[in-house]
Amino acid sequence: MNLNAIFRKKEDVVTRSIAGETILIPIRDNLADMQGIYTLNPVAEYIWQQLDGKQNLENIASGVSASFEAAPPETGEDMVEFINQLLTREIIEEVR
């Protein structure tokens, strides 16, 4: 995956904070897709918040490394895996 790629959240995803956890709920055809619910850990929550359609993945990975004191190579690999999961579930889209 190209780290210059920019992604944004799709409008049919609801984000909720419940009992200190952030949950993503895709809404399809006016119904919640309960099979596609994601509970985010703090790093995934940070990444999710940064997917604003303006920042590229390289900048987001740098922010993760700085905020969570993680090694950049590990951060990048984990982030790409998370982004791929969101793409597969059609929760985000690439900005072109």
N, C-alpha and C. Protein backbone atom coordinates (compact mmCIF):
# COMPACT_ATOMS: atom_id res chain seq x y z
N MET A 1 0.85 -1.17 0.00
CA MET A 1 0.00 0.00 0.00
C MET A 1 0.90 1.24 0.00
N ASN A 2 0.49 2.21 -0.75
CA ASN A 2 1.23 3.46 -0.88
C ASN A 2 0.97 4.34 0.35
N LEU A 3 2.04 4.72 1.05
CA LEU A 3 1.89 5.54 2.25
C LEU A 3 1.53 6.99 1.94
N ASN A 4 1.52 7.35 0.66
CA ASN A 4 1.03 8.68 0.26
C ASN A 4 -0.48 8.68 0.04
N ALA A 5 -1.09 7.50 0.13
CA ALA A 5 -2.54 7.39 -0.07
C ALA A 5 -3.29 8.14 1.04
N ILE A 6 -4.43 8.68 0.66
CA ILE A 6 -5.28 9.42 1.59
C ILE A 6 -6.64 8.74 1.61
N PHE A 7 -7.16 8.54 2.82
CA PHE A 7 -8.45 7.87 2.98
C PHE A 7 -9.41 8.73 3.80
N ARG A 8 -10.69 8.48 3.61
CA ARG A 8 -11.70 9.14 4.43
C ARG A 8 -12.75 8.11 4.83
N LYS A 9 -13.42 8.43 5.93
CA LYS A 9 -14.49 7.58 6.43
C LYS A 9 -15.70 7.70 5.51
N LYS A 10 -16.40 6.60 5.32
CA LYS A 10 -17.64 6.66 4.56
C LYS A 10 -18.74 7.21 5.46
N GLU A 11 -19.71 7.84 4.85
CA GLU A 11 -20.78 8.48 5.60
C GLU A 11 -21.74 7.49 6.25
N ASP A 12 -21.73 6.24 5.81
CA ASP A 12 -22.68 5.27 6.35
C ASP A 12 -22.09 4.46 7.52
N VAL A 13 -21.17 5.08 8.25
CA VAL A 13 -20.58 4.45 9.44
C VAL A 13 -20.82 5.36 10.64
N VAL A 14 -21.39 4.79 11.67
CA VAL A 14 -21.65 5.53 12.90
C VAL A 14 -20.56 5.18 13.89
N THR A 15 -20.01 6.20 14.54
CA THR A 15 -19.00 6.01 15.57
C THR A 15 -19.62 6.33 16.91
N ARG A 16 -19.47 5.41 17.87
CA ARG A 16 -20.02 5.62 19.20
C ARG A 16 -18.96 5.28 20.24
N SER A 17 -18.99 6.02 21.33
CA SER A 17 -18.13 5.74 22.47
C SER A 17 -19.02 5.20 23.58
N ILE A 18 -18.79 3.94 23.95
CA ILE A 18 -19.62 3.27 24.95
C ILE A 18 -18.71 2.65 25.98
N ALA A 19 -18.91 3.02 27.24
CA ALA A 19 -18.13 2.47 28.35
C ALA A 19 -16.62 2.58 28.10
N GLY A 20 -16.21 3.71 27.54
CA GLY A 20 -14.79 3.95 27.31
C GLY A 20 -14.22 3.28 26.08
N GLU A 21 -15.05 2.63 25.27
CA GLU A 21 -14.58 2.00 24.04
C GLU A 21 -15.21 2.68 22.84
N THR A 22 -14.44 2.80 21.77
CA THR A 22 -14.97 3.36 20.54
C THR A 22 -15.40 2.22 19.64
N ILE A 23 -16.62 2.35 19.13
CA ILE A 23 -17.22 1.29 18.30
C ILE A 23 -17.64 1.89 16.97
N LEU A 24 -17.34 1.17 15.88
CA LEU A 24 -17.77 1.56 14.54
C LEU A 24 -18.93 0.65 14.13
N ILE A 25 -20.01 1.27 13.67
CA ILE A 25 -21.18 0.50 13.25
C ILE A 25 -21.55 0.92 11.83
N PRO A 26 -21.30 0.04 10.85
CA PRO A 26 -21.72 0.35 9.48
C PRO A 26 -23.25 0.28 9.38
N ILE A 27 -23.83 1.25 8.68
CA ILE A 27 -25.27 1.27 8.43
C ILE A 27 -25.48 0.99 6.95
N ARG A 28 -26.17 -0.07 6.66
CA ARG A 28 -26.43 -0.46 5.26
C ARG A 28 -27.94 -0.57 5.07
N ASP A 29 -28.45 0.08 4.07
CA ASP A 29 -29.88 0.04 3.76
C ASP A 29 -30.73 0.33 4.99
N ASN A 30 -30.36 1.37 5.73
CA ASN A 30 -31.07 1.83 6.93
C ASN A 30 -31.04 0.85 8.09
N LEU A 31 -30.19 -0.14 8.03
CA LEU A 31 -30.04 -1.12 9.12
C LEU A 31 -28.59 -1.18 9.57
N ALA A 32 -28.39 -1.38 10.84
CA ALA A 32 -27.03 -1.56 11.35
C ALA A 32 -26.52 -2.93 10.93
N ASP A 33 -25.31 -2.97 10.40
CA ASP A 33 -24.66 -4.22 10.01
C ASP A 33 -23.95 -4.78 11.24
N MET A 34 -24.66 -5.57 12.04
CA MET A 34 -24.11 -6.06 13.30
C MET A 34 -22.93 -7.01 13.08
N GLN A 35 -22.81 -7.58 11.87
CA GLN A 35 -21.67 -8.45 11.56
C GLN A 35 -20.39 -7.63 11.37
N GLY A 36 -20.57 -6.34 11.06
CA GLY A 36 -19.42 -5.51 10.73
C GLY A 36 -19.00 -4.55 11.83
N ILE A 37 -19.48 -4.76 13.05
CA ILE A 37 -19.12 -3.87 14.15
C ILE A 37 -17.65 -4.03 14.51
N TYR A 38 -16.99 -2.91 14.70
CA TYR A 38 -15.58 -2.91 15.11
C TYR A 38 -15.45 -2.21 16.45
N THR A 39 -14.72 -2.81 17.36
CA THR A 39 -14.32 -2.15 18.60
C THR A 39 -12.86 -1.77 18.43
N LEU A 40 -12.55 -0.52 18.66
CA LEU A 40 -11.20 -0.01 18.39
C LEU A 40 -10.37 0.09 19.65
N ASN A 41 -9.12 -0.34 19.55
CA ASN A 41 -8.17 -0.10 20.64
C ASN A 41 -7.69 1.34 20.51
N PRO A 42 -6.94 1.86 21.47
CA PRO A 42 -6.53 3.27 21.41
C PRO A 42 -5.76 3.65 20.15
N VAL A 43 -4.90 2.78 19.65
CA VAL A 43 -4.15 3.11 18.43
C VAL A 43 -5.08 3.16 17.23
N ALA A 44 -5.96 2.16 17.10
CA ALA A 44 -6.92 2.13 16.00
C ALA A 44 -7.86 3.34 16.08
N GLU A 45 -8.25 3.72 17.28
CA GLU A 45 -9.10 4.90 17.45
C GLU A 45 -8.37 6.16 16.96
N TYR A 46 -7.10 6.28 17.29
CA TYR A 46 -6.31 7.43 16.82
C TYR A 46 -6.28 7.45 15.29
N ILE A 47 -6.00 6.30 14.68
CA ILE A 47 -5.94 6.22 13.22
C ILE A 47 -7.30 6.60 12.63
N TRP A 48 -8.38 6.05 13.19
CA TRP A 48 -9.73 6.34 12.71
C TRP A 48 -10.01 7.85 12.73
N GLN A 49 -9.63 8.49 13.80
CA GLN A 49 -9.86 9.93 13.92
C GLN A 49 -9.08 10.73 12.88
N GLN A 50 -7.95 10.21 12.42
CA GLN A 50 -7.11 10.91 11.45
C GLN A 50 -7.56 10.71 10.00
N LEU A 51 -8.45 9.77 9.76
CA LEU A 51 -8.89 9.48 8.39
C LEU A 51 -9.91 10.53 7.95
N ASP A 52 -9.39 11.72 7.66
CA ASP A 52 -10.24 12.88 7.38
C ASP A 52 -10.26 13.27 5.90
N GLY A 53 -9.63 12.47 5.06
CA GLY A 53 -9.60 12.80 3.64
C GLY A 53 -8.55 13.83 3.28
N LYS A 54 -7.69 14.20 4.24
CA LYS A 54 -6.67 15.22 3.99
C LYS A 54 -5.25 14.72 4.28
N GLN A 55 -5.10 13.87 5.29
CA GLN A 55 -3.77 13.39 5.69
C GLN A 55 -3.45 12.08 4.98
N ASN A 56 -2.18 11.94 4.59
CA ASN A 56 -1.78 10.67 4.00
C ASN A 56 -1.36 9.70 5.11
N LEU A 57 -1.23 8.43 4.72
CA LEU A 57 -0.92 7.39 5.71
C LEU A 57 0.44 7.60 6.37
N GLU A 58 1.38 8.15 5.64
CA GLU A 58 2.71 8.40 6.22
C GLU A 58 2.61 9.37 7.39
N ASN A 59 1.84 10.43 7.23
CA ASN A 59 1.66 11.40 8.32
C ASN A 59 0.94 10.78 9.50
N ILE A 60 -0.06 9.96 9.21
CA ILE A 60 -0.81 9.30 10.29
C ILE A 60 0.11 8.35 11.04
N ALA A 61 0.94 7.58 10.31
CA ALA A 61 1.88 6.65 10.95
C ALA A 61 2.87 7.40 11.83
N SER A 62 3.33 8.56 11.38
CA SER A 62 4.24 9.37 12.19
C SER A 62 3.55 9.82 13.48
N GLY A 63 2.29 10.21 13.37
CA GLY A 63 1.52 10.61 14.54
C GLY A 63 1.33 9.47 15.52
N VAL A 64 1.09 8.28 15.00
CA VAL A 64 0.95 7.10 15.86
C VAL A 64 2.25 6.84 16.59
N SER A 65 3.37 6.89 15.86
CA SER A 65 4.68 6.64 16.47
C SER A 65 4.96 7.64 17.59
N ALA A 66 4.65 8.91 17.34
CA ALA A 66 4.90 9.94 18.34
C ALA A 66 3.96 9.84 19.54
N SER A 67 2.70 9.56 19.27
CA SER A 67 1.70 9.54 20.34
C SER A 67 1.78 8.30 21.22
N PHE A 68 2.20 7.18 20.62
CA PHE A 68 2.18 5.91 21.35
C PHE A 68 3.57 5.32 21.54
N GLU A 69 4.61 6.09 21.20
CA GLU A 69 6.00 5.65 21.35
C GLU A 69 6.23 4.26 20.75
N ALA A 70 5.74 4.11 19.52
CA ALA A 70 5.89 2.85 18.80
C ALA A 70 6.94 3.01 17.72
N ALA A 71 7.61 1.92 17.37
CA ALA A 71 8.62 1.94 16.32
C ALA A 71 7.94 2.12 14.96
N PRO A 72 8.42 3.04 14.13
CA PRO A 72 7.78 3.31 12.83
C PRO A 72 7.55 2.08 11.94
N PRO A 73 8.52 1.15 11.79
CA PRO A 73 8.22 0.00 10.92
C PRO A 73 7.03 -0.81 11.42
N GLU A 74 6.98 -1.05 12.71
CA GLU A 74 5.87 -1.83 13.28
C GLU A 74 4.56 -1.06 13.14
N THR A 75 4.62 0.23 13.41
CA THR A 75 3.44 1.08 13.29
C THR A 75 2.87 1.04 11.88
N GLY A 76 3.74 1.17 10.89
CA GLY A 76 3.30 1.17 9.50
C GLY A 76 2.65 -0.14 9.09
N GLU A 77 3.25 -1.26 9.48
CA GLU A 77 2.69 -2.57 9.13
C GLU A 77 1.33 -2.78 9.77
N ASP A 78 1.20 -2.46 11.05
CA ASP A 78 -0.08 -2.63 11.74
C ASP A 78 -1.14 -1.70 11.17
N MET A 79 -0.74 -0.48 10.84
CA MET A 79 -1.69 0.47 10.29
C MET A 79 -2.18 0.02 8.93
N VAL A 80 -1.30 -0.46 8.08
CA VAL A 80 -1.69 -0.95 6.76
C VAL A 80 -2.67 -2.12 6.90
N GLU A 81 -2.42 -3.00 7.84
CA GLU A 81 -3.34 -4.13 8.08
C GLU A 81 -4.72 -3.61 8.49
N PHE A 82 -4.76 -2.65 9.40
CA PHE A 82 -6.02 -2.07 9.85
C PHE A 82 -6.74 -1.37 8.69
N ILE A 83 -6.01 -0.59 7.90
CA ILE A 83 -6.60 0.11 6.75
C ILE A 83 -7.18 -0.90 5.77
N ASN A 84 -6.46 -1.98 5.52
CA ASN A 84 -6.97 -3.02 4.61
C ASN A 84 -8.25 -3.65 5.13
N GLN A 85 -8.34 -3.87 6.44
CA GLN A 85 -9.58 -4.40 7.03
C GLN A 85 -10.74 -3.43 6.81
N LEU A 86 -10.49 -2.14 7.02
CA LEU A 86 -11.54 -1.14 6.82
C LEU A 86 -11.96 -1.06 5.35
N LEU A 87 -10.99 -1.18 4.45
CA LEU A 87 -11.31 -1.16 3.01
C LEU A 87 -12.14 -2.39 2.63
N THR A 88 -11.75 -3.55 3.14
CA THR A 88 -12.48 -4.78 2.84
C THR A 88 -13.93 -4.70 3.30
N ARG A 89 -14.15 -4.08 4.45
CA ARG A 89 -15.50 -3.92 5.00
C ARG A 89 -16.23 -2.71 4.41
N GLU A 90 -15.54 -1.99 3.51
CA GLU A 90 -16.10 -0.81 2.85
C GLU A 90 -16.53 0.26 3.85
N ILE A 91 -15.67 0.47 4.86
CA ILE A 91 -15.92 1.47 5.90
C ILE A 91 -15.21 2.78 5.56
N ILE A 92 -14.14 2.69 4.76
CA ILE A 92 -13.41 3.87 4.31
C ILE A 92 -13.25 3.79 2.80
N GLU A 93 -12.84 4.91 2.23
CA GLU A 93 -12.57 4.95 0.78
C GLU A 93 -11.35 5.82 0.54
N GLU A 94 -10.65 5.50 -0.54
CA GLU A 94 -9.47 6.30 -0.88
C GLU A 94 -9.90 7.58 -1.58
N VAL A 95 -9.23 8.67 -1.24
CA VAL A 95 -9.46 9.96 -1.89
C VAL A 95 -8.51 10.04 -3.06
N ARG A 96 -9.02 10.33 -4.20
CA ARG A 96 -8.16 10.39 -5.40
C ARG A 96 -8.08 11.80 -5.91
